[in-house]
C-alpha atoms as a PDB file:
ATOM      1  CA  MET A   1     -40.029   6.220-147.212  1.00  0.00           C
ATOM      2  CA  LYS A   2     -41.940   7.445-150.369  1.00  0.00           C
ATOM      3  CA  LYS A   3     -39.486  10.680-151.770  1.00  0.00           C
ATOM      4  CA  THR A   4     -42.534  13.424-152.158  1.00  0.00           C
ATOM      5  CA  GLN A   5     -42.546  16.183-154.785  1.00  0.00           C
ATOM      6  CA  CYS A   6     -40.404  18.351-153.311  1.00  0.00           C
ATOM      7  CA  ASP A   7     -37.417  15.834-152.326  1.00  0.00           C
ATOM      8  CA  ARG A   8     -38.447  14.576-156.348  1.00  0.00           C
ATOM      9  CA  VAL A   9     -37.549  17.972-157.663  1.00  0.00           C
ATOM     10  CA  LEU A  10     -34.520  19.130-155.151  1.00  0.00           C
ATOM     11  CA  ASP A  11     -33.022  15.646-156.710  1.00  0.00           C
ATOM     12  CA  TYR A  12     -33.280  16.859-159.399  1.00  0.00           C
ATOM     13  CA  MET A  13     -31.966  20.150-159.586  1.00  0.00           C
ATOM     14  CA  LYS A  14     -29.194  18.764-157.663  1.00  0.00           C
ATOM     15  CA  GLN A  15     -28.527  16.364-160.463  1.00  0.00           C
ATOM     16  CA  PHE A  16     -29.032  18.010-163.485  1.00  0.00           C
ATOM     17  CA  GLY A  17     -29.084  21.999-162.552  1.00  0.00           C
ATOM     18  CA  SER A  18     -32.531  23.225-163.206  1.00  0.00           C
ATOM     19  CA  ILE A  19     -35.817  22.091-164.167  1.00  0.00           C
ATOM     20  CA  SER A  20     -38.540  23.668-166.704  1.00  0.00           C
ATOM     21  CA  SER A  21     -42.575  22.653-165.795  1.00  0.00           C
ATOM     22  CA  MET A  22     -42.338  20.499-169.012  1.00  0.00           C
ATOM     23  CA  GLU A  23     -38.784  18.576-167.677  1.00  0.00           C
ATOM     24  CA  ALA A  24     -41.123  18.369-164.724  1.00  0.00           C
ATOM     25  CA  PHE A  25     -44.039  16.652-166.202  1.00  0.00           C
ATOM     26  CA  ARG A  26     -42.091  14.430-169.021  1.00  0.00           C
ATOM     27  CA  ASP A  27     -39.055  12.711-165.536  1.00  0.00           C
ATOM     28  CA  LEU A  28     -41.342  12.998-163.123  1.00  0.00           C
ATOM     29  CA  GLY A  29     -45.395  13.547-163.812  1.00  0.00           C
ATOM     30  CA  ILE A  30     -45.414  16.876-161.778  1.00  0.00           C
ATOM     31  CA  THR A  31     -48.019  19.072-163.655  1.00  0.00           C
ATOM     32  CA  ARG A  32     -48.136  22.096-161.236  1.00  0.00           C
ATOM     33  CA  LEU A  33     -44.114  22.554-160.623  1.00  0.00           C
ATOM     34  CA  ALA A  34     -44.996  25.755-159.845  1.00  0.00           C
ATOM     35  CA  ALA A  35     -46.715  24.581-156.945  1.00  0.00           C
ATOM     36  CA  VAL A  36     -44.253  22.369-155.343  1.00  0.00           C
ATOM     37  CA  ILE A  37     -41.097  25.153-156.145  1.00  0.00           C
ATOM     38  CA  TYR A  38     -43.335  27.582-153.647  1.00  0.00           C
ATOM     39  CA  ASP A  39     -43.576  24.753-151.087  1.00  0.00           C
ATOM     40  CA  ILE A  40     -39.903  23.989-151.245  1.00  0.00           C
ATOM     41  CA  GLU A  41     -39.798  28.000-150.791  1.00  0.00           C
ATOM     42  CA  HIS A  42     -41.286  27.432-147.931  1.00  0.00           C
ATOM     43  CA  LYS A  43     -39.375  25.127-146.035  1.00  0.00           C
ATOM     44  CA  GLY A  44     -37.213  27.942-146.417  1.00  0.00           C
ATOM     45  CA  ILE A  45     -34.778  27.099-149.624  1.00  0.00           C
ATOM     46  CA  SER A  46     -34.012  29.213-152.302  1.00  0.00           C
ATOM     47  CA  VAL A  47     -35.042  28.844-155.777  1.00  0.00           C
ATOM     48  CA  ASN A  48     -33.657  30.966-158.487  1.00  0.00           C
ATOM     49  CA  ARG A  49     -35.526  32.066-161.572  1.00  0.00           C
ATOM     50  CA  THR A  50     -34.455  32.054-165.180  1.00  0.00           C
ATOM     51  CA  PRO A  51     -37.205  33.297-168.007  1.00  0.00           C
ATOM     52  CA  GLU A  52     -36.856  31.056-171.107  1.00  0.00           C
ATOM     53  CA  ASN A  53     -38.004  31.729-174.456  1.00  0.00           C
ATOM     54  CA  GLY A  54     -38.654  28.604-176.809  1.00  0.00           C
ATOM     55  CA  LEU A  55     -41.652  27.769-179.432  1.00  0.00           C
ATOM     56  CA  ASN A  56     -44.632  25.835-178.527  1.00  0.00           C
ATOM     57  CA  SER A  57     -46.289  23.132-180.120  1.00  0.00           C
ATOM     58  CA  PHE A  58     -47.713  25.385-182.227  1.00  0.00           C
ATOM     59  CA  ASN A  59     -44.532  26.501-183.542  1.00  0.00           C
ATOM     60  CA  GLU A  60     -45.579  29.810-181.208  1.00  0.00           C
ATOM     61  CA  LYS A  61     -42.912  31.855-179.399  1.00  0.00           C
ATOM     62  CA  THR A  62     -43.088  31.733-175.830  1.00  0.00           C
ATOM     63  CA  THR A  63     -41.322  32.152-172.027  1.00  0.00           C
ATOM     64  CA  PHE A  64     -41.814  30.004-169.667  1.00  0.00           C
ATOM     65  CA  THR A  65     -39.256  29.433-166.135  1.00  0.00           C
ATOM     66  CA  ARG A  66     -36.251  27.585-165.767  1.00  0.00           C
ATOM     67  CA  TYR A  67     -36.177  26.936-161.660  1.00  0.00           C
ATOM     68  CA  SER A  68     -32.203  25.959-160.113  1.00  0.00           C
ATOM     69  CA  LEU A  69     -30.910  26.458-156.844  1.00  0.00           C
ATOM     70  CA  PRO A  70     -28.554  28.575-155.480  1.00  0.00           C
ATOM     71  CA  ALA A  71     -24.502  28.218-156.703  1.00  0.00           C
END
């Protein structure tokens, strides 16, 4: 049976602890992580959100969200 994007993101969070949109794109080919997280939550699964700071490709400060499952 083919895995859904929700399945892949849940598996990733279980294996690595969390996921960001860059990791979702790089490792899973998912371009709209927030939409997948919405679908996961719509299924009744809680997801934690943690804001993080970093640099974009222009070396400018940016903020992004890291998603994880509750402990």
